[in-house]
Amino acid sequence: MIEGGKVHYNGQRCKASRTVEVGATVKLTQGTDERTVLVVGLSDKRLSAPLAQALYQETDESIKLKLERAELRKMNVLFAPHPETKPDKKMRRQLLLIKAQQS
């Protein structure tokens, strides 16, 4: 994520060698979701997930925005449903004809 520019430390793009401090704000972009977390504590070694989650806290605005975007994605699925099965050869030909007529 860092190499792709999806991590911002206190509002600035950072490198993997960046030293993290308690009280810092880290903004992470995961797909269409953005998470903003506050660093609450630090550890010298790698910890299990539940212990590592205790070292940061997601902001209220980030949680609210994440829930709103999840709701919008759910609403979008209702308007553009996916077929239950993959189209067979005949159905693919029909789809290609429809797309050709629309262009």
PDB file of N, CA and C in Angstrom:
ATOM      1  N   MET A   1       0.816  -1.192   0.000  1.00  0.00           N
ATOM      2  CA  MET A   1       0.000   0.000   0.000  1.00  0.00           C
ATOM      3  C   MET A   1       0.863   1.260   0.000  1.00  0.00           C
ATOM      4  N   ILE A   2       1.978   1.199   0.723  1.00  0.00           N
ATOM      5  CA  ILE A   2       2.845   2.373   0.798  1.00  0.00           C
ATOM      6  C   ILE A   2       3.465   2.661  -0.564  1.00  0.00           C
ATOM      7  N   GLU A   3       3.935   1.616  -1.239  1.00  0.00           N
ATOM      8  CA  GLU A   3       4.569   1.808  -2.545  1.00  0.00           C
ATOM      9  C   GLU A   3       3.578   2.329  -3.573  1.00  0.00           C
ATOM     10  N   GLY A   4       2.291   2.015  -3.406  1.00  0.00           N
ATOM     11  CA  GLY A   4       1.268   2.494  -4.326  1.00  0.00           C
ATOM     12  C   GLY A   4       0.761   3.881  -3.989  1.00  0.00           C
ATOM     13  N   GLY A   5       1.272   4.498  -2.924  1.00  0.00           N
ATOM     14  CA  GLY A   5       0.854   5.847  -2.546  1.00  0.00           C
ATOM     15  C   GLY A   5      -0.491   5.892  -1.857  1.00  0.00           C
ATOM     16  N   LYS A   6      -0.897   4.795  -1.247  1.00  0.00           N
ATOM     17  CA  LYS A   6      -2.210   4.731  -0.614  1.00  0.00           C
ATOM     18  C   LYS A   6      -2.166   4.967   0.896  1.00  0.00           C
ATOM     19  N   VAL A   7      -1.005   5.315   1.415  1.00  0.00           N
ATOM     20  CA  VAL A   7      -0.846   5.585   2.847  1.00  0.00           C
ATOM     21  C   VAL A   7      -0.340   7.012   3.016  1.00  0.00           C
ATOM     22  N   HIS A   8      -1.048   7.777   3.847  1.00  0.00           N
ATOM     23  CA  HIS A   8      -0.635   9.145   4.147  1.00  0.00           C
ATOM     24  C   HIS A   8      -0.449   9.270   5.654  1.00  0.00           C
ATOM     25  N   TYR A   9       0.684   9.805   6.047  1.00  0.00           N
ATOM     26  CA  TYR A   9       1.035   9.985   7.454  1.00  0.00           C
ATOM     27  C   TYR A   9       0.970  11.468   7.778  1.00  0.00           C
ATOM     28  N   ASN A  10       0.070  11.852   8.636  1.00  0.00           N
ATOM     29  CA  ASN A  10      -0.166  13.258   8.989  1.00  0.00           C
ATOM     30  C   ASN A  10      -0.363  14.129   7.751  1.00  0.00           C
ATOM     31  N   GLY A  11      -1.137  13.596   6.781  1.00  0.00           N
ATOM     32  CA  GLY A  11      -1.494  14.366   5.594  1.00  0.00           C
ATOM     33  C   GLY A  11      -0.491  14.319   4.463  1.00  0.00           C
ATOM     34  N   GLN A  12       0.634  13.629   4.641  1.00  0.00           N
ATOM     35  CA  GLN A  12       1.647  13.561   3.597  1.00  0.00           C
ATOM     36  C   GLN A  12       1.911  12.110   3.222  1.00  0.00           C
ATOM     37  N   ARG A  13       2.169  11.896   1.928  1.00  0.00           N
ATOM     38  CA  ARG A  13       2.525  10.559   1.458  1.00  0.00           C
ATOM     39  C   ARG A  13       3.828  10.151   2.129  1.00  0.00           C
ATOM     40  N   CYS A  14       3.937   8.888   2.523  1.00  0.00           N
ATOM     41  CA  CYS A  14       5.107   8.466   3.278  1.00  0.00           C
ATOM     42  C   CYS A  14       5.788   7.262   2.641  1.00  0.00           C
ATOM     43  N   LYS A  15       6.981   6.963   3.147  1.00  0.00           N
ATOM     44  CA  LYS A  15       7.745   5.803   2.722  1.00  0.00           C
ATOM     45  C   LYS A  15       7.667   4.738   3.821  1.00  0.00           C
ATOM     46  N   ALA A  16       8.092   3.531   3.496  1.00  0.00           N
ATOM     47  CA  ALA A  16       8.038   2.423   4.461  1.00  0.00           C
ATOM     48  C   ALA A  16       8.983   2.655   5.638  1.00  0.00           C
ATOM     49  N   SER A  17      10.018   3.445   5.457  1.00  0.00           N
ATOM     50  CA  SER A  17      10.990   3.676   6.522  1.00  0.00           C
ATOM     51  C   SER A  17      10.550   4.763   7.513  1.00  0.00           C
ATOM     52  N   ARG A  18       9.384   5.324   7.322  1.00  0.00           N
ATOM     53  CA  ARG A  18       8.890   6.413   8.160  1.00  0.00           C
ATOM     54  C   ARG A  18       8.730   5.952   9.609  1.00  0.00           C
ATOM     55  N   THR A  19       9.230   6.712  10.555  1.00  0.00           N
ATOM     56  CA  THR A  19       9.084   6.407  11.970  1.00  0.00           C
ATOM     57  C   THR A  19       7.710   6.879  12.429  1.00  0.00           C
ATOM     58  N   VAL A  20       6.984   5.974  13.048  1.00  0.00           N
ATOM     59  CA  VAL A  20       5.620   6.273  13.497  1.00  0.00           C
ATOM     60  C   VAL A  20       5.669   6.733  14.947  1.00  0.00           C
ATOM     61  N   GLU A  21       4.884   7.757  15.248  1.00  0.00           N
ATOM     62  CA  GLU A  21       4.829   8.303  16.603  1.00  0.00           C
ATOM     63  C   GLU A  21       3.417   8.182  17.157  1.00  0.00           C
ATOM     64  N   VAL A  22       3.304   8.114  18.465  1.00  0.00           N
ATOM     65  CA  VAL A  22       1.998   8.066  19.120  1.00  0.00           C
ATOM     66  C   VAL A  22       1.285   9.399  18.886  1.00  0.00           C
ATOM     67  N   GLY A  23       0.007   9.340  18.540  1.00  0.00           N
ATOM     68  CA  GLY A  23      -0.775  10.542  18.278  1.00  0.00           C
ATOM     69  C   GLY A  23      -0.819  10.934  16.814  1.00  0.00           C
ATOM     70  N   ALA A  24      -0.122  10.204  15.964  1.00  0.00           N
ATOM     71  CA  ALA A  24      -0.099  10.514  14.536  1.00  0.00           C
ATOM     72  C   ALA A  24      -1.390  10.052  13.871  1.00  0.00           C
ATOM     73  N   THR A  25      -1.722  10.679  12.746  1.00  0.00           N
ATOM     74  CA  THR A  25      -2.888  10.323  11.956  1.00  0.00           C
ATOM     75  C   THR A  25      -2.415   9.615  10.696  1.00  0.00           C
ATOM     76  N   VAL A  26      -2.973   8.426  10.441  1.00  0.00           N
ATOM     77  CA  VAL A  26      -2.610   7.647   9.263  1.00  0.00           C
ATOM     78  C   VAL A  26      -3.876   7.451   8.442  1.00  0.00           C
ATOM     79  N   LYS A  27      -3.810   7.812   7.165  1.00  0.00           N
ATOM     80  CA  LYS A  27      -4.951   7.658   6.261  1.00  0.00           C
ATOM     81  C   LYS A  27      -4.619   6.541   5.274  1.00  0.00           C
ATOM     82  N   LEU A  28      -5.464   5.507   5.228  1.00  0.00           N
ATOM     83  CA  LEU A  28      -5.257   4.347   4.376  1.00  0.00           C
ATOM     84  C   LEU A  28      -6.362   4.267   3.346  1.00  0.00           C
ATOM     85  N   THR A  29      -6.003   3.986   2.103  1.00  0.00           N
ATOM     86  CA  THR A  29      -6.987   3.805   1.049  1.00  0.00           C
ATOM     87  C   THR A  29      -7.000   2.335   0.663  1.00  0.00           C
ATOM     88  N   GLN A  30      -8.148   1.686   0.868  1.00  0.00           N
ATOM     89  CA  GLN A  30      -8.315   0.272   0.533  1.00  0.00           C
ATOM     90  C   GLN A  30      -9.459   0.160  -0.464  1.00  0.00           C
ATOM     91  N   GLY A  31      -9.125   0.022  -1.734  1.00  0.00           N
ATOM     92  CA  GLY A  31     -10.163  -0.037  -2.762  1.00  0.00           C
ATOM     93  C   GLY A  31     -10.891   1.285  -2.827  1.00  0.00           C
ATOM     94  N   THR A  32     -12.198   1.256  -2.573  1.00  0.00           N
ATOM     95  CA  THR A  32     -12.981   2.493  -2.579  1.00  0.00           C
ATOM     96  C   THR A  32     -13.126   3.081  -1.187  1.00  0.00           C
ATOM     97  N   ASP A  33     -12.671   2.368  -0.182  1.00  0.00           N
ATOM     98  CA  ASP A  33     -12.793   2.838   1.199  1.00  0.00           C
ATOM     99  C   ASP A  33     -11.533   3.566   1.639  1.00  0.00           C
ATOM    100  N   GLU A  34     -11.742   4.591   2.445  1.00  0.00           N
ATOM    101  CA  GLU A  34     -10.641   5.312   3.065  1.00  0.00           C
ATOM    102  C   GLU A  34     -10.815   5.229   4.570  1.00  0.00           C
ATOM    103  N   ARG A  35      -9.758   4.852   5.260  1.00  0.00           N
ATOM    104  CA  ARG A  35      -9.791   4.755   6.711  1.00  0.00           C
ATOM    105  C   ARG A  35      -8.802   5.753   7.283  1.00  0.00           C
ATOM    106  N   THR A  36      -9.221   6.465   8.306  1.00  0.00           N
ATOM    107  CA  THR A  36      -8.343   7.375   9.017  1.00  0.00           C
ATOM    108  C   THR A  36      -8.215   6.859  10.439  1.00  0.00           C
ATOM    109  N   VAL A  37      -6.989   6.562  10.844  1.00  0.00           N
ATOM    110  CA  VAL A  37      -6.758   5.998  12.175  1.00  0.00           C
ATOM    111  C   VAL A  37      -5.774   6.864  12.941  1.00  0.00           C
ATOM    112  N   LEU A  38      -5.926   6.842  14.256  1.00  0.00           N
ATOM    113  CA  LEU A  38      -5.016   7.532  15.158  1.00  0.00           C
ATOM    114  C   LEU A  38      -4.140   6.486  15.832  1.00  0.00           C
ATOM    115  N   VAL A  39      -2.843   6.731  15.881  1.00  0.00           N
ATOM    116  CA  VAL A  39      -1.921   5.803  16.527  1.00  0.00           C
ATOM    117  C   VAL A  39      -2.010   6.037  18.031  1.00  0.00           C
ATOM    118  N   VAL A  40      -2.403   4.995  18.769  1.00  0.00           N
ATOM    119  CA  VAL A  40      -2.588   5.087  20.216  1.00  0.00           C
ATOM    120  C   VAL A  40      -1.367   4.535  20.950  1.00  0.00           C
ATOM    121  N   GLY A  41      -0.744   3.524  20.378  1.00  0.00           N
ATOM    122  CA  GLY A  41       0.410   2.914  21.023  1.00  0.00           C
ATOM    123  C   GLY A  41       1.344   2.315  19.992  1.00  0.00           C
ATOM    124  N   LEU A  42       2.527   1.919  20.455  1.00  0.00           N
ATOM    125  CA  LEU A  42       3.525   1.319  19.579  1.00  0.00           C
ATOM    126  C   LEU A  42       4.012   0.006  20.178  1.00  0.00           C
ATOM    127  N   SER A  43       4.541  -0.851  19.311  1.00  0.00           N
ATOM    128  CA  SER A  43       5.109  -2.115  19.747  1.00  0.00           C
ATOM    129  C   SER A  43       6.418  -2.345  19.002  1.00  0.00           C
ATOM    130  N   ASP A  44       7.379  -2.952  19.680  1.00  0.00           N
ATOM    131  CA  ASP A  44       8.671  -3.217  19.057  1.00  0.00           C
ATOM    132  C   ASP A  44       8.637  -4.437  18.158  1.00  0.00           C
ATOM    133  N   LYS A  45       7.716  -5.356  18.421  1.00  0.00           N
ATOM    134  CA  LYS A  45       7.661  -6.565  17.600  1.00  0.00           C
ATOM    135  C   LYS A  45       6.249  -6.812  17.091  1.00  0.00           C
ATOM    136  N   ARG A  46       6.160  -7.708  16.137  1.00  0.00           N
ATOM    137  CA  ARG A  46       4.895  -8.043  15.495  1.00  0.00           C
ATOM    138  C   ARG A  46       3.983  -8.748  16.487  1.00  0.00           C
ATOM    139  N   LEU A  47       2.727  -8.335  16.526  1.00  0.00           N
ATOM    140  CA  LEU A  47       1.762  -8.888  17.471  1.00  0.00           C
ATOM    141  C   LEU A  47       0.624  -9.578  16.731  1.00  0.00           C
ATOM    142  N   SER A  48      -0.184 -10.299  17.489  1.00  0.00           N
ATOM    143  CA  SER A  48      -1.380 -10.905  16.913  1.00  0.00           C
ATOM    144  C   SER A  48      -2.386  -9.804  16.582  1.00  0.00           C
ATOM    145  N   ALA A  49      -3.343 -10.126  15.750  1.00  0.00           N
ATOM    146  CA  ALA A  49      -4.307  -9.118  15.276  1.00  0.00           C
ATOM    147  C   ALA A  49      -5.055  -8.419  16.409  1.00  0.00           C
ATOM    148  N   PRO A  50      -5.617  -9.138  17.398  1.00  0.00           N
ATOM    149  CA  PRO A  50      -6.342  -8.423  18.464  1.00  0.00           C
ATOM    150  C   PRO A  50      -5.454  -7.461  19.254  1.00  0.00           C
ATOM    151  N   LEU A  51      -4.202  -7.841  19.482  1.00  0.00           N
ATOM    152  CA  LEU A  51      -3.295  -6.950  20.210  1.00  0.00           C
ATOM    153  C   LEU A  51      -2.883  -5.766  19.341  1.00  0.00           C
ATOM    154  N   ALA A  52      -2.678  -5.998  18.067  1.00  0.00           N
ATOM    155  CA  ALA A  52      -2.301  -4.916  17.157  1.00  0.00           C
ATOM    156  C   ALA A  52      -3.445  -3.927  16.986  1.00  0.00           C
ATOM    157  N   GLN A  53      -4.693  -4.402  16.984  1.00  0.00           N
ATOM    158  CA  GLN A  53      -5.840  -3.508  16.838  1.00  0.00           C
ATOM    159  C   GLN A  53      -5.992  -2.584  18.037  1.00  0.00           C
ATOM    160  N   ALA A  54      -5.437  -2.968  19.171  1.00  0.00           N
ATOM    161  CA  ALA A  54      -5.502  -2.110  20.357  1.00  0.00           C
ATOM    162  C   ALA A  54      -4.526  -0.944  20.253  1.00  0.00           C
ATOM    163  N   LEU A  55      -3.616  -0.979  19.296  1.00  0.00           N
ATOM    164  CA  LEU A  55      -2.609   0.072  19.159  1.00  0.00           C
ATOM    165  C   LEU A  55      -3.056   1.226  18.274  1.00  0.00           C
ATOM    166  N   TYR A  56      -4.223   1.119  17.644  1.00  0.00           N
ATOM    167  CA  TYR A  56      -4.739   2.224  16.834  1.00  0.00           C
ATOM    168  C   TYR A  56      -6.241   2.338  17.041  1.00  0.00           C
ATOM    169  N   GLN A  57      -6.776   3.489  16.690  1.00  0.00           N
ATOM    170  CA  GLN A  57      -8.212   3.746  16.847  1.00  0.00           C
ATOM    171  C   GLN A  57      -8.705   4.475  15.604  1.00  0.00           C
ATOM    172  N   GLU A  58      -9.751   3.942  14.984  1.00  0.00           N
ATOM    173  CA  GLU A  58     -10.318   4.584  13.801  1.00  0.00           C
ATOM    174  C   GLU A  58     -11.167   5.769  14.235  1.00  0.00           C
ATOM    175  N   THR A  59     -11.080   6.867  13.488  1.00  0.00           N
ATOM    176  CA  THR A  59     -11.826   8.074  13.848  1.00  0.00           C
ATOM    177  C   THR A  59     -13.316   7.888  13.571  1.00  0.00           C
ATOM    178  N   ASP A  60     -14.136   8.667  14.259  1.00  0.00           N
ATOM    179  CA  ASP A  60     -15.589   8.588  14.091  1.00  0.00           C
ATOM    180  C   ASP A  60     -16.012   8.975  12.673  1.00  0.00           C
ATOM    181  N   GLU A  61     -15.359  10.000  12.107  1.00  0.00           N
ATOM    182  CA  GLU A  61     -15.691  10.422  10.746  1.00  0.00           C
ATOM    183  C   GLU A  61     -15.391   9.315   9.742  1.00  0.00           C
ATOM    184  N   SER A  62     -14.297   8.606   9.973  1.00  0.00           N
ATOM    185  CA  SER A  62     -13.911   7.516   9.077  1.00  0.00           C
ATOM    186  C   SER A  62     -14.928   6.381   9.125  1.00  0.00           C
ATOM    187  N   ILE A  63     -15.383   6.038  10.318  1.00  0.00           N
ATOM    188  CA  ILE A  63     -16.384   4.976  10.469  1.00  0.00           C
ATOM    189  C   ILE A  63     -17.692   5.382   9.798  1.00  0.00           C
ATOM    190  N   LYS A  64     -18.094   6.626  10.012  1.00  0.00           N
ATOM    191  CA  LYS A  64     -19.335   7.134   9.422  1.00  0.00           C
ATOM    192  C   LYS A  64     -19.276   7.103   7.896  1.00  0.00           C
ATOM    193  N   LEU A  65     -18.152   7.572   7.336  1.00  0.00           N
ATOM    194  CA  LEU A  65     -17.970   7.588   5.882  1.00  0.00           C
ATOM    195  C   LEU A  65     -17.938   6.175   5.319  1.00  0.00           C
ATOM    196  N   LYS A  66     -17.307   5.250   6.030  1.00  0.00           N
ATOM    197  CA  LYS A  66     -17.225   3.861   5.584  1.00  0.00           C
ATOM    198  C   LYS A  66     -18.610   3.222   5.534  1.00  0.00           C
ATOM    199  N   LEU A  67     -19.444   3.495   6.537  1.00  0.00           N
ATOM    200  CA  LEU A  67     -20.806   2.958   6.553  1.00  0.00           C
ATOM    201  C   LEU A  67     -21.670   3.556   5.445  1.00  0.00           C
ATOM    202  N   GLU A  68     -21.508   4.857   5.184  1.00  0.00           N
ATOM    203  CA  GLU A  68     -22.263   5.502   4.111  1.00  0.00           C
ATOM    204  C   GLU A  68     -21.897   4.910   2.752  1.00  0.00           C
ATOM    205  N   ARG A  69     -20.616   4.707   2.514  1.00  0.00           N
ATOM    206  CA  ARG A  69     -20.186   4.136   1.239  1.00  0.00           C
ATOM    207  C   ARG A  69     -20.643   2.691   1.085  1.00  0.00           C
ATOM    208  N   ALA A  70     -20.666   1.940   2.175  1.00  0.00           N
ATOM    209  CA  ALA A  70     -21.149   0.557   2.117  1.00  0.00           C
ATOM    210  C   ALA A  70     -22.632   0.541   1.758  1.00  0.00           C
ATOM    211  N   GLU A  71     -23.389   1.475   2.318  1.00  0.00           N
ATOM    212  CA  GLU A  71     -24.822   1.564   2.014  1.00  0.00           C
ATOM    213  C   GLU A  71     -25.030   1.923   0.546  1.00  0.00           C
ATOM    214  N   LEU A  72     -24.227   2.848   0.019  1.00  0.00           N
ATOM    215  CA  LEU A  72     -24.344   3.223  -1.387  1.00  0.00           C
ATOM    216  C   LEU A  72     -24.009   2.044  -2.300  1.00  0.00           C
ATOM    217  N   ARG A  73     -22.997   1.252  -1.917  1.00  0.00           N
ATOM    218  CA  ARG A  73     -22.665   0.069  -2.722  1.00  0.00           C
ATOM    219  C   ARG A  73     -23.806  -0.931  -2.725  1.00  0.00           C
ATOM    220  N   LYS A  74     -24.466  -1.093  -1.574  1.00  0.00           N
ATOM    221  CA  LYS A  74     -25.605  -2.016  -1.504  1.00  0.00           C
ATOM    222  C   LYS A  74     -26.751  -1.533  -2.379  1.00  0.00           C
ATOM    223  N   MET A  75     -26.984  -0.228  -2.396  1.00  0.00           N
ATOM    224  CA  MET A  75     -28.059   0.331  -3.220  1.00  0.00           C
ATOM    225  C   MET A  75     -27.725   0.169  -4.704  1.00  0.00           C
ATOM    226  N   ASN A  76     -26.455   0.300  -5.064  1.00  0.00           N
ATOM    227  CA  ASN A  76     -26.046   0.168  -6.451  1.00  0.00           C
ATOM    228  C   ASN A  76     -26.244  -1.265  -6.940  1.00  0.00           C
ATOM    229  N   VAL A  77     -26.042  -2.240  -6.074  1.00  0.00           N
ATOM    230  CA  VAL A  77     -26.229  -3.639  -6.448  1.00  0.00           C
ATOM    231  C   VAL A  77     -27.696  -3.908  -6.787  1.00  0.00           C
ATOM    232  N   LEU A  78     -28.603  -3.223  -6.112  1.00  0.00           N
ATOM    233  CA  LEU A  78     -30.029  -3.423  -6.389  1.00  0.00           C
ATOM    234  C   LEU A  78     -30.395  -2.932  -7.783  1.00  0.00           C
ATOM    235  N   PHE A  79     -29.737  -1.873  -8.256  1.00  0.00           N
ATOM    236  CA  PHE A  79     -30.053  -1.322  -9.560  1.00  0.00           C
ATOM    237  C   PHE A  79     -29.328  -2.034 -10.697  1.00  0.00           C
ATOM    238  N   ALA A  80     -28.245  -2.727 -10.386  1.00  0.00           N
ATOM    239  CA  ALA A  80     -27.488  -3.440 -11.405  1.00  0.00           C
ATOM    240  C   ALA A  80     -27.231  -4.873 -10.935  1.00  0.00           C
ATOM    241  N   PRO A  81     -28.269  -5.707 -10.938  1.00  0.00           N
ATOM    242  CA  PRO A  81     -28.084  -7.068 -10.428  1.00  0.00           C
ATOM    243  C   PRO A  81     -27.209  -7.906 -11.352  1.00  0.00           C
ATOM    244  N   HIS A  82     -26.517  -8.840 -10.777  1.00  0.00           N
ATOM    245  CA  HIS A  82     -25.675  -9.750 -11.538  1.00  0.00           C
ATOM    246  C   HIS A  82     -26.466 -11.005 -11.866  1.00  0.00           C
ATOM    247  N   PRO A  83     -26.224 -11.611 -13.029  1.00  0.00           N
ATOM    248  CA  PRO A  83     -26.932 -12.854 -13.363  1.00  0.00           C
ATOM    249  C   PRO A  83     -26.481 -13.981 -12.437  1.00  0.00           C
ATOM    250  N   GLU A  84     -27.349 -14.976 -12.266  1.00  0.00           N
ATOM    251  CA  GLU A  84     -27.028 -16.086 -11.371  1.00  0.00           C
ATOM    252  C   GLU A  84     -25.984 -17.011 -11.977  1.00  0.00           C
ATOM    253  N   THR A  85     -25.959 -17.102 -13.320  1.00  0.00           N
ATOM    254  CA  THR A  85     -24.992 -17.970 -13.986  1.00  0.00           C
ATOM    255  C   THR A  85     -24.249 -17.174 -15.057  1.00  0.00           C
ATOM    256  N   LYS A  86     -23.135 -17.740 -15.508  1.00  0.00           N
ATOM    257  CA  LYS A  86     -22.402 -17.115 -16.609  1.00  0.00           C
ATOM    258  C   LYS A  86     -23.191 -17.301 -17.895  1.00  0.00           C
ATOM    259  N   PRO A  87     -23.144 -16.313 -18.793  1.00  0.00           N
ATOM    260  CA  PRO A  87     -23.873 -16.474 -20.052  1.00  0.00           C
ATOM    261  C   PRO A  87     -23.226 -17.557 -20.924  1.00  0.00           C
ATOM    262  N   ASP A  88     -24.072 -18.341 -21.581  1.00  0.00           N
ATOM    263  CA  ASP A  88     -23.548 -19.357 -22.496  1.00  0.00           C
ATOM    264  C   ASP A  88     -23.248 -18.702 -23.843  1.00  0.00           C
ATOM    265  N   LYS A  89     -22.861 -19.505 -24.820  1.00  0.00           N
ATOM    266  CA  LYS A  89     -22.427 -18.976 -26.107  1.00  0.00           C
ATOM    267  C   LYS A  89     -23.542 -18.196 -26.806  1.00  0.00           C
ATOM    268  N   LYS A  90     -24.767 -18.710 -26.757  1.00  0.00           N
ATOM    269  CA  LYS A  90     -25.899 -18.055 -27.408  1.00  0.00           C
ATOM    270  C   LYS A  90     -26.193 -16.712 -26.744  1.00  0.00           C
ATOM    271  N   MET A  91     -26.172 -16.694 -25.420  1.00  0.00           N
ATOM    272  CA  MET A  91     -26.442 -15.452 -24.694  1.00  0.00           C
ATOM    273  C   MET A  91     -25.345 -14.416 -24.950  1.00  0.00           C
ATOM    274  N   ARG A  92     -24.087 -14.846 -25.039  1.00  0.00           N
ATOM    275  CA  ARG A  92     -22.988 -13.917 -25.332  1.00  0.00           C
ATOM    276  C   ARG A  92     -23.174 -13.278 -26.693  1.00  0.00           C
ATOM    277  N   ARG A  93     -23.591 -14.076 -27.683  1.00  0.00           N
ATOM    278  CA  ARG A  93     -23.840 -13.522 -29.018  1.00  0.00           C
ATOM    279  C   ARG A  93     -24.949 -12.477 -28.978  1.00  0.00           C
ATOM    280  N   GLN A  94     -26.012 -12.753 -28.222  1.00  0.00           N
ATOM    281  CA  GLN A  94     -27.109 -11.796 -28.102  1.00  0.00           C
ATOM    282  C   GLN A  94     -26.627 -10.503 -27.437  1.00  0.00           C
ATOM    283  N   LEU A  95     -25.795 -10.631 -26.399  1.00  0.00           N
ATOM    284  CA  LEU A  95     -25.268  -9.449 -25.737  1.00  0.00           C
ATOM    285  C   LEU A  95     -24.398  -8.624 -26.679  1.00  0.00           C
ATOM    286  N   LEU A  96     -23.583  -9.290 -27.462  1.00  0.00           N
ATOM    287  CA  LEU A  96     -22.750  -8.579 -28.428  1.00  0.00           C
ATOM    288  C   LEU A  96     -23.584  -7.850 -29.460  1.00  0.00           C
ATOM    289  N   LEU A  97     -24.697  -8.464 -29.903  1.00  0.00           N
ATOM    290  CA  LEU A  97     -25.593  -7.797 -30.848  1.00  0.00           C
ATOM    291  C   LEU A  97     -26.231  -6.553 -30.236  1.00  0.00           C
ATOM    292  N   ILE A  98     -26.665  -6.665 -29.008  1.00  0.00           N
ATOM    293  CA  ILE A  98     -27.293  -5.527 -28.329  1.00  0.00           C
ATOM    294  C   ILE A  98     -26.288  -4.392 -28.177  1.00  0.00           C
ATOM    295  N   LYS A  99     -25.061  -4.720 -27.758  1.00  0.00           N
ATOM    296  CA  LYS A  99     -24.037  -3.690 -27.585  1.00  0.00           C
ATOM    297  C   LYS A  99     -23.668  -3.039 -28.902  1.00  0.00           C
ATOM    298  N   ALA A 100     -23.626  -3.824 -29.986  1.00  0.00           N
ATOM    299  CA  ALA A 100     -23.317  -3.280 -31.304  1.00  0.00           C
ATOM    300  C   ALA A 100     -24.416  -2.336 -31.776  1.00  0.00           C
ATOM    301  N   GLN A 101     -25.681  -2.635 -31.471  1.00  0.00           N
ATOM    302  CA  GLN A 101     -26.797  -1.797 -31.884  1.00  0.00           C
ATOM    303  C   GLN A 101     -26.820  -0.490 -31.107  1.00  0.00           C
ATOM    304  N   GLN A 102     -26.351  -0.501 -29.854  1.00  0.00           N
ATOM    305  CA  GLN A 102     -26.345   0.703 -29.039  1.00  0.00           C
ATOM    306  C   GLN A 102     -25.245   1.672 -29.459  1.00  0.00           C
ATOM    307  N   SER A 103     -24.193   1.173 -30.065  1.00  0.00           N
ATOM    308  CA  SER A 103     -23.057   2.042 -30.452  1.00  0.00           C
ATOM    309  C   SER A 103     -23.312   2.778 -31.740  1.00  0.00           C
TER     310      SER A 103
END
